[in-house]
Every structure is written in structure tokens, then in C-alpha cells.
């Protein structure tokens, strides 16, 4: 038996139909409103209104095409832990501003533990990674140590959130 997840937005609680809409849009964001409405048991107009409300409330943040990194010459995936030499609100702010400018960094997370940040980096090859690490990542504000994990096999990667409906 699936547990019913209670989700609240700033406006109101999401109901079962909202969750079904979100589930279908996660699986196929290019679905037509007519087809989506049919799948969730609504007519097109109320379904479209719900989607617009979910967008307006910030539940749906955008729609994206999922690209094949290998087909685009970005087959190397590396996770990088970064340790800062000093820590303060200003240093964290400066680090965040600078890492936003790095196009090869797909994700950056402030984490607990021995290291301060965890970065997800996509690159064409190891020589490019050496350049990025040497020329850019270690020049980020107060970054003084890094540890890298080169991905040998991608077992699972998804952006689909479990909604439990």
C-alpha cells in the first residue's frame, strides 16, 4: 500500500488530481493538455487551469528537454567535494556567486561533513577535468582542498520526484 503524501504549497494543499497531473508531466512534459486531462479524468479547461495554478504557485518550476551527455561530447561525470579554508556567510555567498558562473558545474550543494560543497561536473574527458579543477575550481573563493569521484557507470539518474499517490 502506498502512503499518501501530503503536500502543501503557499496557497493550498495539493489534492490527488494535482499529484496525478504532476506525475504525468514529470514523465512527459510534452503531453498535450487534452491527453493530460484524459489521463487524470478532467476536461481540458479545468486541467489547463490546474497546470497554470501549479506553475503560478511555484510547484512546477519549468519544463526541460533531457539531453544525452555522450551524444553531446560530455561523457565524463565527476563529483567533487570542496573544502573551504574559512567559513562565514560572506565566504559562502562569494563561493555561490562564483560557482554559478561555471557552465560545467551542473549542481552545487552545501553539505554537512568534512567537506563543505559537493559539485556535479560534466566534461568531455579527463584532460578537461584536470583543466577545470586546476584553473577554476581551486580558484573559487577560499577553496583549499578537493576530493574527486570519477563516475565509472551511471546506474540511476532521474529528476522525477516520488509523489506517492
N, C-alpha and C. Protein backbone atom coordinates (compact mmCIF):
# COMPACT_ATOMS: atom_id res chain seq x y z
N UNK A 1 0.83 -1.18 0.00
CA UNK A 1 0.00 0.00 0.00
C UNK A 1 0.88 1.24 0.00
N UNK A 2 0.63 2.15 -0.92
CA UNK A 2 1.40 3.39 -0.99
C UNK A 2 0.93 4.34 0.09
N UNK A 3 1.88 5.06 0.67
CA UNK A 3 1.49 6.07 1.65
C UNK A 3 1.02 7.32 0.90
N UNK A 4 0.01 7.98 1.45
CA UNK A 4 -0.49 9.21 0.83
C UNK A 4 0.38 10.35 1.32
N UNK A 5 1.01 11.03 0.42
CA UNK A 5 1.88 12.15 0.74
C UNK A 5 1.04 13.41 0.80
N UNK A 6 1.20 14.17 1.88
CA UNK A 6 0.52 15.45 2.00
C UNK A 6 1.48 16.53 1.56
N UNK A 7 1.08 17.29 0.58
CA UNK A 7 1.94 18.35 0.04
C UNK A 7 1.19 19.66 0.15
N UNK A 8 1.86 20.63 0.74
CA UNK A 8 1.26 21.95 0.87
C UNK A 8 2.05 22.95 0.06
N UNK A 9 1.37 23.80 -0.64
CA UNK A 9 2.00 24.94 -1.30
C UNK A 9 1.70 26.15 -0.45
N UNK A 10 2.25 27.29 -0.82
CA UNK A 10 1.94 28.51 -0.07
C UNK A 10 0.47 28.86 -0.20
N UNK A 11 -0.19 28.39 -1.23
CA UNK A 11 -1.60 28.74 -1.48
C UNK A 11 -2.55 27.72 -0.83
N UNK A 12 -2.34 26.43 -1.08
CA UNK A 12 -3.26 25.41 -0.57
C UNK A 12 -2.64 24.04 -0.74
N UNK A 13 -3.29 23.05 -0.15
CA UNK A 13 -2.82 21.68 -0.24
C UNK A 13 -3.11 21.11 -1.62
N UNK A 14 -2.20 20.29 -2.12
CA UNK A 14 -2.41 19.63 -3.41
C UNK A 14 -3.28 18.41 -3.20
N UNK A 15 -4.24 18.22 -4.10
CA UNK A 15 -5.10 17.05 -3.98
C UNK A 15 -4.60 15.93 -4.89
N UNK A 16 -5.32 14.84 -4.89
CA UNK A 16 -4.92 13.65 -5.67
C UNK A 16 -4.82 13.96 -7.16
N UNK A 17 -5.73 14.79 -7.68
CA UNK A 17 -5.70 15.14 -9.10
C UNK A 17 -4.46 15.97 -9.42
N UNK A 18 -4.12 16.92 -8.55
CA UNK A 18 -2.89 17.70 -8.74
C UNK A 18 -1.68 16.77 -8.81
N UNK A 19 -1.62 15.81 -7.90
CA UNK A 19 -0.49 14.88 -7.87
C UNK A 19 -0.44 14.02 -9.14
N UNK A 20 -1.60 13.61 -9.64
CA UNK A 20 -1.64 12.85 -10.90
C UNK A 20 -1.12 13.71 -12.05
N UNK A 21 -1.53 14.97 -12.09
CA UNK A 21 -1.06 15.89 -13.13
C UNK A 21 0.46 16.00 -13.06
N UNK A 22 0.99 16.20 -11.87
CA UNK A 22 2.44 16.34 -11.71
C UNK A 22 3.16 15.06 -12.12
N UNK A 23 2.60 13.92 -11.76
CA UNK A 23 3.21 12.65 -12.13
C UNK A 23 3.29 12.49 -13.64
N UNK A 24 2.22 12.81 -14.34
CA UNK A 24 2.21 12.68 -15.80
C UNK A 24 3.14 13.71 -16.46
N UNK A 25 3.17 14.93 -15.94
CA UNK A 25 4.06 15.94 -16.52
C UNK A 25 5.53 15.60 -16.30
N UNK A 26 5.85 14.99 -15.15
CA UNK A 26 7.23 14.56 -14.93
C UNK A 26 7.64 13.51 -15.94
N UNK A 27 6.74 12.61 -16.25
CA UNK A 27 7.05 11.53 -17.19
C UNK A 27 7.11 12.03 -18.63
N UNK A 28 6.27 13.03 -18.96
CA UNK A 28 6.22 13.54 -20.32
C UNK A 28 5.72 14.98 -20.31
N UNK A 29 6.62 15.92 -20.23
CA UNK A 29 6.24 17.34 -20.17
C UNK A 29 5.67 17.84 -21.49
N UNK A 30 5.81 17.07 -22.56
CA UNK A 30 5.29 17.49 -23.86
C UNK A 30 3.88 16.97 -24.13
N UNK A 31 3.29 16.34 -23.15
CA UNK A 31 1.94 15.81 -23.31
C UNK A 31 0.98 16.98 -23.59
N UNK A 32 0.02 16.75 -24.46
CA UNK A 32 -0.96 17.81 -24.75
C UNK A 32 -1.91 17.94 -23.56
N UNK A 33 -2.48 19.11 -23.41
CA UNK A 33 -3.44 19.32 -22.31
C UNK A 33 -4.65 18.40 -22.47
N UNK A 34 -5.04 18.13 -23.69
CA UNK A 34 -6.17 17.24 -23.94
C UNK A 34 -5.85 15.84 -23.45
N UNK A 35 -4.67 15.33 -23.79
CA UNK A 35 -4.28 13.99 -23.36
C UNK A 35 -4.08 13.94 -21.85
N UNK A 36 -3.45 14.98 -21.28
CA UNK A 36 -3.26 15.03 -19.83
C UNK A 36 -4.60 15.03 -19.12
N UNK A 37 -5.53 15.84 -19.60
CA UNK A 37 -6.86 15.91 -18.99
C UNK A 37 -7.52 14.54 -19.02
N UNK A 38 -7.40 13.83 -20.13
CA UNK A 38 -7.99 12.50 -20.26
C UNK A 38 -7.36 11.53 -19.25
N UNK A 39 -6.06 11.62 -19.07
CA UNK A 39 -5.35 10.70 -18.16
C UNK A 39 -5.71 10.94 -16.70
N UNK A 40 -6.05 12.18 -16.35
CA UNK A 40 -6.35 12.49 -14.94
C UNK A 40 -7.85 12.61 -14.68
N UNK A 41 -8.67 12.40 -15.71
CA UNK A 41 -10.11 12.39 -15.52
C UNK A 41 -10.77 13.76 -15.44
N UNK A 42 -10.22 14.73 -16.16
CA UNK A 42 -10.81 16.06 -16.21
C UNK A 42 -11.07 16.44 -17.66
N UNK A 43 -11.83 17.49 -17.86
CA UNK A 43 -11.92 18.07 -19.20
C UNK A 43 -10.73 19.00 -19.37
N UNK A 44 -10.48 19.43 -20.60
CA UNK A 44 -9.26 20.19 -20.92
C UNK A 44 -9.16 21.50 -20.16
N UNK A 45 -10.22 22.27 -20.08
CA UNK A 45 -10.16 23.60 -19.45
C UNK A 45 -9.79 23.51 -17.96
N UNK A 46 -10.47 22.70 -17.14
CA UNK A 46 -10.08 22.61 -15.73
C UNK A 46 -8.65 22.07 -15.54
N UNK A 47 -8.24 21.14 -16.41
CA UNK A 47 -6.89 20.60 -16.33
C UNK A 47 -5.87 21.70 -16.61
N UNK A 48 -6.11 22.47 -17.66
CA UNK A 48 -5.21 23.58 -18.02
C UNK A 48 -5.15 24.60 -16.89
N UNK A 49 -6.28 24.89 -16.27
CA UNK A 49 -6.32 25.83 -15.15
C UNK A 49 -5.50 25.31 -13.97
N UNK A 50 -5.58 24.01 -13.70
CA UNK A 50 -4.79 23.43 -12.60
C UNK A 50 -3.29 23.52 -12.91
N UNK A 51 -2.92 23.22 -14.14
CA UNK A 51 -1.50 23.30 -14.51
C UNK A 51 -1.01 24.74 -14.35
N UNK A 52 -1.78 25.69 -14.81
CA UNK A 52 -1.39 27.10 -14.67
C UNK A 52 -1.26 27.50 -13.20
N UNK A 53 -2.17 27.00 -12.35
CA UNK A 53 -2.08 27.29 -10.92
C UNK A 53 -0.82 26.67 -10.32
N UNK A 54 -0.52 25.44 -10.71
CA UNK A 54 0.70 24.77 -10.21
C UNK A 54 1.95 25.53 -10.65
N UNK A 55 1.92 26.08 -11.84
CA UNK A 55 3.03 26.92 -12.32
C UNK A 55 3.10 28.21 -11.51
N UNK A 56 1.98 28.86 -11.35
CA UNK A 56 1.90 30.14 -10.63
C UNK A 56 2.34 29.98 -9.17
N UNK A 57 1.96 28.86 -8.54
CA UNK A 57 2.30 28.61 -7.14
C UNK A 57 3.75 28.14 -6.96
N UNK A 58 4.46 27.93 -8.07
CA UNK A 58 5.86 27.52 -7.98
C UNK A 58 6.07 26.03 -7.78
N UNK A 59 5.01 25.25 -7.88
CA UNK A 59 5.16 23.79 -7.78
C UNK A 59 5.83 23.27 -9.05
N UNK A 60 5.39 23.76 -10.20
CA UNK A 60 6.06 23.47 -11.47
C UNK A 60 6.98 24.64 -11.75
N UNK A 61 8.28 24.36 -11.78
CA UNK A 61 9.28 25.42 -11.97
C UNK A 61 9.70 25.60 -13.41
N UNK A 62 9.43 24.62 -14.25
CA UNK A 62 9.81 24.75 -15.65
C UNK A 62 9.67 23.42 -16.36
N UNK A 63 9.95 23.43 -17.65
CA UNK A 63 9.89 22.24 -18.50
C UNK A 63 11.21 22.13 -19.22
N UNK A 64 11.77 20.93 -19.28
CA UNK A 64 13.12 20.77 -19.81
C UNK A 64 13.22 19.56 -20.73
N UNK A 65 14.11 19.66 -21.68
CA UNK A 65 14.45 18.51 -22.52
C UNK A 65 15.62 17.79 -21.85
N UNK A 66 15.55 16.50 -21.73
CA UNK A 66 16.65 15.72 -21.16
C UNK A 66 17.58 15.34 -22.30
N UNK A 67 18.82 15.78 -22.21
CA UNK A 67 19.79 15.57 -23.27
C UNK A 67 20.72 14.41 -22.94
N UNK A 68 21.23 13.75 -23.96
CA UNK A 68 22.18 12.66 -23.80
C UNK A 68 23.59 13.23 -23.75
N UNK A 69 24.25 13.21 -22.59
CA UNK A 69 25.58 13.82 -22.46
C UNK A 69 26.62 13.19 -23.41
N UNK A 70 26.55 11.88 -23.61
CA UNK A 70 27.50 11.22 -24.50
C UNK A 70 27.34 11.71 -25.94
N UNK A 71 26.12 11.91 -26.37
CA UNK A 71 25.87 12.38 -27.73
C UNK A 71 26.38 13.80 -27.94
N UNK A 72 26.54 14.53 -26.84
CA UNK A 72 27.00 15.91 -26.93
C UNK A 72 28.44 16.09 -26.48
N UNK A 73 29.17 14.97 -26.35
CA UNK A 73 30.59 15.04 -26.02
C UNK A 73 30.88 15.39 -24.58
N UNK A 74 29.98 15.06 -23.66
CA UNK A 74 30.21 15.33 -22.24
C UNK A 74 30.05 14.03 -21.46
N UNK A 75 30.88 13.05 -21.81
CA UNK A 75 30.71 11.71 -21.26
C UNK A 75 31.33 11.51 -19.88
N UNK A 76 32.19 12.43 -19.44
CA UNK A 76 32.84 12.28 -18.14
C UNK A 76 31.99 12.96 -17.06
N UNK A 77 31.58 12.18 -16.07
CA UNK A 77 30.82 12.70 -14.94
C UNK A 77 31.70 12.57 -13.70
N UNK A 78 31.85 13.68 -12.98
CA UNK A 78 32.69 13.70 -11.79
C UNK A 78 31.95 14.42 -10.67
N UNK A 79 32.03 13.84 -9.49
CA UNK A 79 31.55 14.53 -8.29
C UNK A 79 32.77 15.04 -7.55
N UNK A 80 32.71 16.28 -7.12
CA UNK A 80 33.86 16.92 -6.49
C UNK A 80 33.44 17.47 -5.13
N UNK A 81 34.17 17.09 -4.11
CA UNK A 81 33.97 17.68 -2.79
C UNK A 81 34.96 18.83 -2.65
N UNK A 82 34.50 19.95 -2.15
CA UNK A 82 35.34 21.13 -1.96
C UNK A 82 35.32 21.51 -0.48
N UNK A 83 36.50 21.70 0.08
CA UNK A 83 36.62 22.17 1.45
C UNK A 83 37.12 23.61 1.41
N UNK A 84 36.46 24.46 2.16
CA UNK A 84 36.87 25.87 2.23
C UNK A 84 37.85 26.06 3.39
N UNK A 85 38.77 27.00 3.19
CA UNK A 85 39.77 27.26 4.23
C UNK A 85 39.19 28.09 5.37
N UNK A 86 38.13 28.82 5.12
CA UNK A 86 37.46 29.61 6.14
C UNK A 86 35.97 29.57 5.86
N UNK A 87 35.19 29.82 6.88
CA UNK A 87 33.73 29.74 6.72
C UNK A 87 33.08 30.95 7.36
N UNK A 88 32.24 31.60 6.58
CA UNK A 88 31.40 32.70 7.07
C UNK A 88 30.31 32.91 6.04
N UNK A 89 29.31 33.67 6.41
CA UNK A 89 28.22 33.96 5.47
C UNK A 89 28.73 34.63 4.22
N UNK A 90 29.68 35.57 4.36
CA UNK A 90 30.23 36.28 3.20
C UNK A 90 31.01 35.34 2.29
N UNK A 91 31.76 34.43 2.87
CA UNK A 91 32.55 33.47 2.08
C UNK A 91 31.62 32.52 1.32
N UNK A 92 30.59 32.01 2.01
CA UNK A 92 29.62 31.14 1.34
C UNK A 92 28.93 31.89 0.20
N UNK A 93 28.56 33.14 0.43
CA UNK A 93 27.93 33.94 -0.62
C UNK A 93 28.86 34.12 -1.82
N UNK A 94 30.12 34.43 -1.56
CA UNK A 94 31.10 34.62 -2.64
C UNK A 94 31.31 33.32 -3.41
N UNK A 95 31.40 32.20 -2.70
CA UNK A 95 31.56 30.91 -3.36
C UNK A 95 30.35 30.62 -4.26
N UNK A 96 29.14 30.83 -3.73
CA UNK A 96 27.92 30.59 -4.52
C UNK A 96 27.90 31.44 -5.78
N UNK A 97 28.25 32.70 -5.65
CA UNK A 97 28.25 33.59 -6.83
C UNK A 97 29.23 33.10 -7.89
N UNK A 98 30.41 32.69 -7.49
CA UNK A 98 31.43 32.26 -8.45
C UNK A 98 31.09 30.91 -9.08
N UNK A 99 30.58 29.97 -8.31
CA UNK A 99 30.28 28.65 -8.87
C UNK A 99 29.12 28.74 -9.86
N UNK A 100 28.22 29.72 -9.69
CA UNK A 100 27.12 29.93 -10.65
C UNK A 100 27.65 30.25 -12.04
N UNK A 101 28.83 30.78 -12.14
CA UNK A 101 29.42 31.19 -13.42
C UNK A 101 30.08 30.04 -14.17
N UNK A 102 30.18 28.87 -13.56
CA UNK A 102 30.89 27.74 -14.16
C UNK A 102 29.91 26.83 -14.91
N UNK A 103 29.93 26.87 -16.24
CA UNK A 103 28.93 26.11 -17.01
C UNK A 103 29.07 24.60 -16.89
N UNK A 104 30.26 24.09 -16.60
CA UNK A 104 30.44 22.64 -16.50
C UNK A 104 29.93 22.09 -15.17
N UNK A 105 29.69 22.95 -14.20
CA UNK A 105 29.15 22.53 -12.91
C UNK A 105 27.62 22.48 -13.04
N UNK A 106 27.08 21.27 -13.01
CA UNK A 106 25.64 21.08 -13.17
C UNK A 106 24.89 21.29 -11.86
N UNK A 107 25.52 20.91 -10.77
CA UNK A 107 24.90 21.04 -9.45
C UNK A 107 25.96 21.42 -8.44
N UNK A 108 25.53 22.16 -7.43
CA UNK A 108 26.41 22.52 -6.32
C UNK A 108 25.57 22.53 -5.06
N UNK A 109 26.02 21.80 -4.05
CA UNK A 109 25.26 21.67 -2.81
C UNK A 109 26.17 21.95 -1.61
N UNK A 110 25.70 22.77 -0.69
CA UNK A 110 26.36 22.96 0.59
C UNK A 110 25.97 21.75 1.43
N UNK A 111 26.97 21.03 1.95
CA UNK A 111 26.71 19.77 2.65
C UNK A 111 27.33 19.77 4.04
N UNK A 112 26.85 18.87 4.87
CA UNK A 112 27.46 18.69 6.18
C UNK A 112 28.57 17.66 6.04
N UNK A 113 29.47 17.61 7.00
CA UNK A 113 30.55 16.63 6.97
C UNK A 113 31.90 17.30 6.84
N UNK A 114 32.88 16.53 6.45
CA UNK A 114 34.26 17.00 6.37
C UNK A 114 34.45 18.08 5.30
N UNK A 115 33.74 17.95 4.18
CA UNK A 115 33.84 18.91 3.10
C UNK A 115 32.62 19.84 3.14
N UNK A 116 32.75 20.99 2.49
CA UNK A 116 31.69 22.00 2.56
C UNK A 116 30.72 21.94 1.39
N UNK A 117 31.22 21.65 0.19
CA UNK A 117 30.37 21.65 -1.00
C UNK A 117 30.57 20.35 -1.77
N UNK A 118 29.50 19.92 -2.42
CA UNK A 118 29.54 18.79 -3.34
C UNK A 118 29.09 19.30 -4.69
N UNK A 119 29.93 19.12 -5.71
CA UNK A 119 29.64 19.59 -7.06
C UNK A 119 29.48 18.40 -7.99
N UNK A 120 28.58 18.53 -8.94
CA UNK A 120 28.41 17.55 -10.01
C UNK A 120 28.87 18.23 -11.29
N UNK A 121 29.87 17.62 -11.95
CA UNK A 121 30.52 18.26 -13.10
C UNK A 121 30.46 17.32 -14.30
N UNK A 122 30.10 17.84 -15.47
CA UNK A 122 30.08 17.07 -16.72
C UNK A 122 31.09 17.68 -17.67
N UNK A 123 31.95 16.82 -18.24
CA UNK A 123 33.02 17.28 -19.13
C UNK A 123 33.27 16.26 -20.23
N UNK A 124 34.00 16.69 -21.27
CA UNK A 124 34.29 15.76 -22.38
C UNK A 124 35.26 14.65 -21.99
N UNK A 125 36.30 14.97 -21.20
CA UNK A 125 37.32 13.96 -20.91
C UNK A 125 38.14 14.37 -19.70
N UNK A 126 39.06 13.50 -19.30
CA UNK A 126 39.87 13.71 -18.10
C UNK A 126 40.80 14.92 -18.23
N UNK A 127 41.33 15.17 -19.41
CA UNK A 127 42.22 16.33 -19.55
C UNK A 127 41.45 17.63 -19.32
N UNK A 128 40.21 17.68 -19.76
CA UNK A 128 39.40 18.86 -19.49
C UNK A 128 39.09 18.96 -18.00
N UNK A 129 38.87 17.82 -17.37
CA UNK A 129 38.62 17.85 -15.93
C UNK A 129 39.84 18.40 -15.18
N UNK A 130 41.03 17.97 -15.56
CA UNK A 130 42.25 18.49 -14.93
C UNK A 130 42.33 20.00 -15.10
N UNK A 131 41.96 20.50 -16.27
CA UNK A 131 41.98 21.94 -16.51
C UNK A 131 40.94 22.65 -15.63
N UNK A 132 39.74 22.12 -15.60
CA UNK A 132 38.69 22.73 -14.78
C UNK A 132 39.08 22.73 -13.32
N UNK A 133 39.59 21.61 -12.84
CA UNK A 133 39.99 21.52 -11.43
C UNK A 133 41.12 22.48 -11.12
N UNK A 134 42.14 22.50 -11.96
CA UNK A 134 43.30 23.35 -11.72
C UNK A 134 43.06 24.82 -11.96
N UNK A 135 42.38 25.14 -13.05
CA UNK A 135 42.22 26.54 -13.43
C UNK A 135 41.03 27.23 -12.78
N UNK A 136 40.00 26.46 -12.44
CA UNK A 136 38.77 27.11 -11.99
C UNK A 136 38.39 26.71 -10.57
N UNK A 137 38.12 25.43 -10.36
CA UNK A 137 37.55 25.02 -9.08
C UNK A 137 38.43 25.40 -7.89
N UNK A 138 39.73 25.22 -8.00
CA UNK A 138 40.60 25.55 -6.87
C UNK A 138 40.83 27.04 -6.72
N UNK A 139 40.34 27.83 -7.68
CA UNK A 139 40.43 29.29 -7.57
C UNK A 139 39.14 29.90 -7.05
N UNK A 140 38.17 29.07 -6.74
CA UNK A 140 36.95 29.57 -6.14
C UNK A 140 37.28 30.16 -4.76
N UNK A 141 36.52 31.14 -4.31
CA UNK A 141 36.84 31.81 -3.04
C UNK A 141 37.01 30.84 -1.88
N UNK A 142 38.17 30.88 -1.26
CA UNK A 142 38.52 30.10 -0.07
C UNK A 142 38.55 28.59 -0.28
N UNK A 143 38.48 28.10 -1.53
CA UNK A 143 38.58 26.66 -1.76
C UNK A 143 40.04 26.26 -1.61
N UNK A 144 40.30 25.33 -0.68
CA UNK A 144 41.70 24.95 -0.48
C UNK A 144 41.95 23.46 -0.57
N UNK A 145 40.90 22.67 -0.71
CA UNK A 145 41.10 21.22 -0.83
C UNK A 145 39.93 20.64 -1.60
N UNK A 146 40.22 19.62 -2.40
CA UNK A 146 39.14 18.95 -3.13
C UNK A 146 39.40 17.45 -3.14
N UNK A 147 38.32 16.73 -3.33
CA UNK A 147 38.38 15.28 -3.49
C UNK A 147 37.42 14.96 -4.62
N UNK A 148 37.88 14.15 -5.58
CA UNK A 148 37.09 13.85 -6.77
C UNK A 148 36.67 12.39 -6.82
N UNK A 149 35.50 12.18 -7.38
CA UNK A 149 34.97 10.83 -7.61
C UNK A 149 34.57 10.76 -9.07
N UNK A 150 35.34 10.04 -9.87
CA UNK A 150 35.03 9.87 -11.29
C UNK A 150 34.02 8.73 -11.41
N UNK A 151 32.93 8.99 -12.08
CA UNK A 151 31.87 8.00 -12.24
C UNK A 151 32.27 7.01 -13.32
N UNK A 152 32.27 5.74 -12.97
CA UNK A 152 32.61 4.68 -13.92
C UNK A 152 31.37 4.16 -14.64
N UNK A 153 30.23 4.17 -13.95
CA UNK A 153 28.98 3.71 -14.54
C UNK A 153 27.84 4.48 -13.88
N UNK A 154 26.95 5.01 -14.70
CA UNK A 154 25.77 5.69 -14.19
C UNK A 154 24.66 4.66 -14.05
N UNK A 155 24.34 4.30 -12.83
CA UNK A 155 23.36 3.27 -12.57
C UNK A 155 21.94 3.83 -12.60
N UNK A 156 21.75 5.00 -11.98
CA UNK A 156 20.42 5.61 -11.97
C UNK A 156 20.58 7.12 -11.85
N UNK A 157 19.86 7.82 -12.70
CA UNK A 157 19.79 9.28 -12.61
C UNK A 157 18.39 9.67 -13.04
N UNK A 158 17.72 10.40 -12.21
CA UNK A 158 16.37 10.82 -12.51
C UNK A 158 16.10 12.17 -11.87
N UNK A 159 15.21 12.90 -12.46
CA UNK A 159 14.75 14.15 -11.86
C UNK A 159 13.30 14.01 -11.42
N UNK A 160 12.77 12.79 -11.52
CA UNK A 160 11.38 12.54 -11.18
C UNK A 160 11.25 12.35 -9.67
N UNK A 161 10.45 13.21 -9.06
CA UNK A 161 10.20 13.13 -7.62
C UNK A 161 9.09 12.12 -7.34
N UNK A 162 9.26 11.26 -6.35
CA UNK A 162 8.18 10.33 -6.00
C UNK A 162 7.05 11.10 -5.33
N UNK A 163 5.85 10.94 -5.85
CA UNK A 163 4.70 11.68 -5.32
C UNK A 163 3.80 10.80 -4.47
N UNK A 164 3.97 9.50 -4.54
CA UNK A 164 3.26 8.57 -3.68
C UNK A 164 1.75 8.64 -3.74
N UNK A 165 1.20 8.92 -4.92
CA UNK A 165 -0.28 9.00 -4.98
C UNK A 165 -0.87 7.69 -5.45
